[in-house]
């Protein structure tokens, strides 16, 4: 990379980080220190709450993403829902949607293209689909991700999932269960691979 490209990338990161801080301040979202390359999409509905810790890094452009994903981070918190993100958390091109509660610990790496959700977003009864009962009857269960967790790219973490501290989730996994601390899991559905 030549100096001109480096300088342009540095300025882009500075500008997008400043924009994000202004947005968080405007929306009254707690954060300590945050860096953003590109512009994430952050939506807070009604009385939803979002909290970031120290040293957060968000990658939102294909150029800055090691894997070249062409999406930005999307964080959506529903009315009366809560999303807490701890210290030293890095994420690239991820989608996180909290309709109830999602808690992400500290020192967590979330791979490119990962999706973390705590709801089905629809009733599981087809009679309710395309009616006003659809979203009212959706099922939501809290998601908890412990400290020192690594989540591989393109992983899907579904409602009711708990991932214990010091665990690793292999790339492309679909997780819908509780994973104990210090274990490696992977696959669809995710299964135990080995102790970490």
Protein backbone atom coordinates (compact mmCIF):
# COMPACT_ATOMS: atom_id res chain seq x y z
CA UNK A 1 0.00 0.00 0.00
CA UNK A 2 1.46 3.39 -0.90
CA UNK A 3 1.44 6.40 1.42
CA UNK A 4 -1.44 8.13 -0.41
CA UNK A 5 -3.75 5.12 0.03
CA UNK A 6 -2.71 4.77 3.68
CA UNK A 7 -3.44 8.44 4.32
CA UNK A 8 -6.86 8.21 2.63
CA UNK A 9 -7.78 5.10 4.67
CA UNK A 10 -6.65 6.79 7.88
CA UNK A 11 -8.72 9.90 7.17
CA UNK A 12 -11.74 7.73 6.29
CA UNK A 13 -11.44 5.86 9.62
CA UNK A 14 -11.07 9.13 11.54
CA UNK A 15 -14.08 10.69 9.83
CA UNK A 16 -16.34 7.64 10.21
CA UNK A 17 -15.34 7.20 13.88
CA UNK A 18 -16.14 10.86 14.57
CA UNK A 19 -19.50 10.52 12.79
CA UNK A 20 -20.34 7.42 14.83
CA UNK A 21 -19.46 9.15 18.12
CA UNK A 22 -21.72 12.08 17.22
CA UNK A 23 -24.52 9.65 16.34
CA UNK A 24 -24.12 7.75 19.62
CA UNK A 25 -24.08 11.00 21.57
CA UNK A 26 -27.21 12.20 19.77
CA UNK A 27 -29.02 8.91 20.46
CA UNK A 28 -27.79 8.91 24.09
CA UNK A 29 -26.05 5.56 23.64
CA UNK A 30 -23.31 4.87 26.19
CA UNK A 31 -19.80 4.23 24.87
CA UNK A 32 -16.27 4.73 26.20
CA UNK A 33 -13.97 4.42 23.19
CA UNK A 34 -14.99 3.26 19.75
CA UNK A 35 -13.39 3.09 16.30
CA UNK A 36 -15.37 2.62 13.12
CA UNK A 37 -14.14 2.14 9.56
CA UNK A 38 -17.13 3.07 7.46
CA UNK A 39 -20.59 3.86 8.76
CA UNK A 40 -22.59 1.25 10.69
CA UNK A 41 -26.38 1.23 10.72
CA UNK A 42 -27.55 1.65 14.33
CA UNK A 43 -31.28 1.69 15.09
CA UNK A 44 -32.80 2.11 18.53
CA UNK A 45 -36.58 1.75 18.79
CA UNK A 46 -38.63 3.34 21.58
CA UNK A 47 -37.13 2.57 24.98
CA UNK A 48 -34.52 0.15 23.66
CA UNK A 49 -31.08 0.43 25.28
CA UNK A 50 -27.63 -0.08 23.80
CA UNK A 51 -24.31 0.10 25.63
CA UNK A 52 -20.74 -0.18 24.30
CA UNK A 53 -17.65 -0.66 26.48
CA UNK A 54 -14.02 0.41 25.85
CA UNK A 55 -11.99 -0.26 22.71
CA UNK A 56 -14.78 -1.27 20.35
CA UNK A 57 -13.88 -1.72 16.66
CA UNK A 58 -16.51 -1.88 13.90
CA UNK A 59 -15.52 -2.70 10.31
CA UNK A 60 -18.18 -1.63 7.80
CA UNK A 61 -16.53 -1.61 4.38
CA UNK A 62 -15.34 -4.31 1.99
CA UNK A 63 -11.99 -2.56 1.64
CA UNK A 64 -11.27 -2.63 5.39
CA UNK A 65 -12.71 -6.11 5.92
CA UNK A 66 -10.03 -8.78 5.68
CA UNK A 67 -12.57 -11.09 4.04
CA UNK A 68 -13.89 -8.38 1.72
CA UNK A 69 -17.51 -8.51 2.88
CA UNK A 70 -19.55 -5.78 1.23
CA UNK A 71 -21.94 -5.04 4.09
CA UNK A 72 -21.80 -2.71 7.03
CA UNK A 73 -22.53 -3.59 10.63
CA UNK A 74 -26.22 -3.41 11.45
CA UNK A 75 -27.27 -3.10 15.08
CA UNK A 76 -31.00 -2.97 15.83
CA UNK A 77 -32.52 -2.82 19.32
CA UNK A 78 -36.30 -3.12 19.63
CA UNK A 79 -38.49 -1.18 22.06
CA UNK A 80 -37.82 -2.28 25.68
CA UNK A 81 -34.95 -4.54 24.54
CA UNK A 82 -31.32 -4.32 25.70
CA UNK A 83 -28.00 -4.91 23.95
CA UNK A 84 -24.79 -4.76 25.97
CA UNK A 85 -21.35 -5.02 24.33
CA UNK A 86 -18.33 -5.28 26.67
CA UNK A 87 -14.74 -4.04 26.38
CA UNK A 88 -12.32 -4.91 23.55
CA UNK A 89 -14.89 -6.26 21.11
CA UNK A 90 -14.12 -6.35 17.39
CA UNK A 91 -16.68 -7.07 14.68
CA UNK A 92 -16.74 -6.95 10.89
CA UNK A 93 -19.88 -6.64 8.76
CA UNK A 94 -22.09 -8.20 11.47
CA UNK A 95 -25.83 -8.04 12.11
CA UNK A 96 -27.08 -7.96 15.70
CA UNK A 97 -30.81 -7.67 16.41
CA UNK A 98 -32.09 -7.58 20.00
CA UNK A 99 -35.85 -7.89 20.56
CA UNK A 100 -35.39 -8.88 24.22
CA UNK A 101 -31.80 -9.09 25.48
CA UNK A 102 -28.35 -9.76 24.05
CA UNK A 103 -25.21 -9.56 26.18
CA UNK A 104 -21.73 -9.78 24.64
CA UNK A 105 -18.79 -9.99 27.05
CA UNK A 106 -15.30 -8.51 26.82
CA UNK A 107 -12.36 -9.51 24.61
CA UNK A 108 -14.68 -10.98 21.96
CA UNK A 109 -13.93 -11.30 18.24
CA UNK A 110 -16.94 -11.61 15.92
CA UNK A 111 -16.09 -12.72 12.38
CA UNK A 112 -17.27 -11.12 9.17
CA UNK A 113 -20.85 -11.76 8.16
CA UNK A 114 -21.96 -13.13 11.53
CA UNK A 115 -25.61 -12.72 12.59
CA UNK A 116 -26.71 -12.66 16.25
CA UNK A 117 -30.46 -12.61 16.94
CA UNK A 118 -32.68 -13.35 19.93
CA UNK A 119 -35.99 -13.92 18.13
CA UNK A 120 -37.75 -15.76 15.30
CA UNK A 121 -39.25 -12.38 14.25
CA UNK A 122 -42.49 -14.14 13.30
CA UNK A 123 -45.03 -16.42 14.87
CA UNK A 124 -44.26 -20.06 14.16
CA UNK A 125 -47.94 -20.63 13.47
CA UNK A 126 -48.73 -20.01 9.80
CA UNK A 127 -52.25 -18.82 10.70
CA UNK A 128 -50.66 -15.67 12.18
CA UNK A 129 -48.52 -14.83 9.15
CA UNK A 130 -49.52 -11.67 7.29
CA UNK A 131 -51.77 -10.61 10.19
CA UNK A 132 -51.28 -8.18 13.07
CA UNK A 133 -50.69 -11.22 15.34
CA UNK A 134 -47.51 -12.28 13.52
CA UNK A 135 -44.97 -10.14 15.38
CA UNK A 136 -47.01 -10.16 18.60
CA UNK A 137 -46.67 -13.94 18.84
CA UNK A 138 -43.00 -14.17 17.91
CA UNK A 139 -40.80 -16.02 20.39
CA UNK A 140 -37.78 -14.22 21.89
CA UNK A 141 -35.14 -15.65 24.25
CA UNK A 142 -32.02 -13.91 25.58
CA UNK A 143 -28.57 -14.50 24.10
CA UNK A 144 -25.46 -14.41 26.28
CA UNK A 145 -21.89 -14.50 24.92
CA UNK A 146 -19.17 -14.74 27.57
CA UNK A 147 -15.70 -13.19 27.76
CA UNK A 148 -12.79 -14.24 25.51
CA UNK A 149 -15.00 -15.82 22.83
CA UNK A 150 -14.05 -16.13 19.16
CA UNK A 151 -16.90 -16.43 16.65
CA UNK A 152 -15.88 -17.45 13.12
CA UNK A 153 -17.16 -15.76 9.97
CA UNK A 154 -20.70 -16.30 8.68
CA UNK A 155 -21.87 -17.83 11.95
CA UNK A 156 -25.55 -17.57 12.93
CA UNK A 157 -26.32 -17.35 16.64
CA UNK A 158 -30.00 -17.92 17.36
CA UNK A 159 -32.33 -17.11 20.24
CA UNK A 160 -31.74 -18.72 23.63
CA UNK A 161 -28.04 -19.32 22.99
CA UNK A 162 -25.42 -19.07 25.72
CA UNK A 163 -21.74 -19.28 24.81
CA UNK A 164 -19.42 -19.77 27.77
CA UNK A 165 -16.16 -17.88 28.31
CA UNK A 166 -13.04 -18.89 26.36
CA UNK A 167 -15.00 -20.82 23.72
CA UNK A 168 -14.54 -20.86 19.94
CA UNK A 169 -17.30 -21.16 17.34
CA UNK A 170 -16.12 -22.43 13.95
CA UNK A 171 -16.87 -20.45 10.79
CA UNK A 172 -20.26 -21.03 9.20
CA UNK A 173 -21.84 -22.55 12.31
CA UNK A 174 -25.49 -22.32 13.35
CA UNK A 175 -25.74 -22.12 17.14
CA UNK A 176 -29.04 -22.60 18.99
CA UNK A 177 -27.98 -24.20 22.28
CA UNK A 178 -25.86 -23.59 25.36
CA UNK A 179 -22.14 -24.03 24.87
CA UNK A 180 -20.01 -24.56 27.99
CA UNK A 181 -16.87 -22.55 28.71
CA UNK A 182 -13.56 -23.45 27.08
CA UNK A 183 -14.89 -25.59 24.25
CA UNK A 184 -14.72 -25.54 20.44
CA UNK A 185 -18.01 -26.06 18.59
CA UNK A 186 -18.89 -26.00 14.91
CA UNK A 187 -21.30 -27.11 12.21
CA UNK A 188 -25.00 -26.87 11.40
CA UNK A 189 -26.33 -27.44 13.95
CA UNK A 190 -23.24 -26.65 16.02
CA UNK A 191 -21.77 -29.65 17.84
CA UNK A 192 -18.94 -30.16 20.30
CA UNK A 193 -15.54 -30.60 18.61
CA UNK A 194 -13.00 -30.48 21.43
CA UNK A 195 -11.95 -28.81 24.66
CA UNK A 196 -10.21 -25.49 24.18
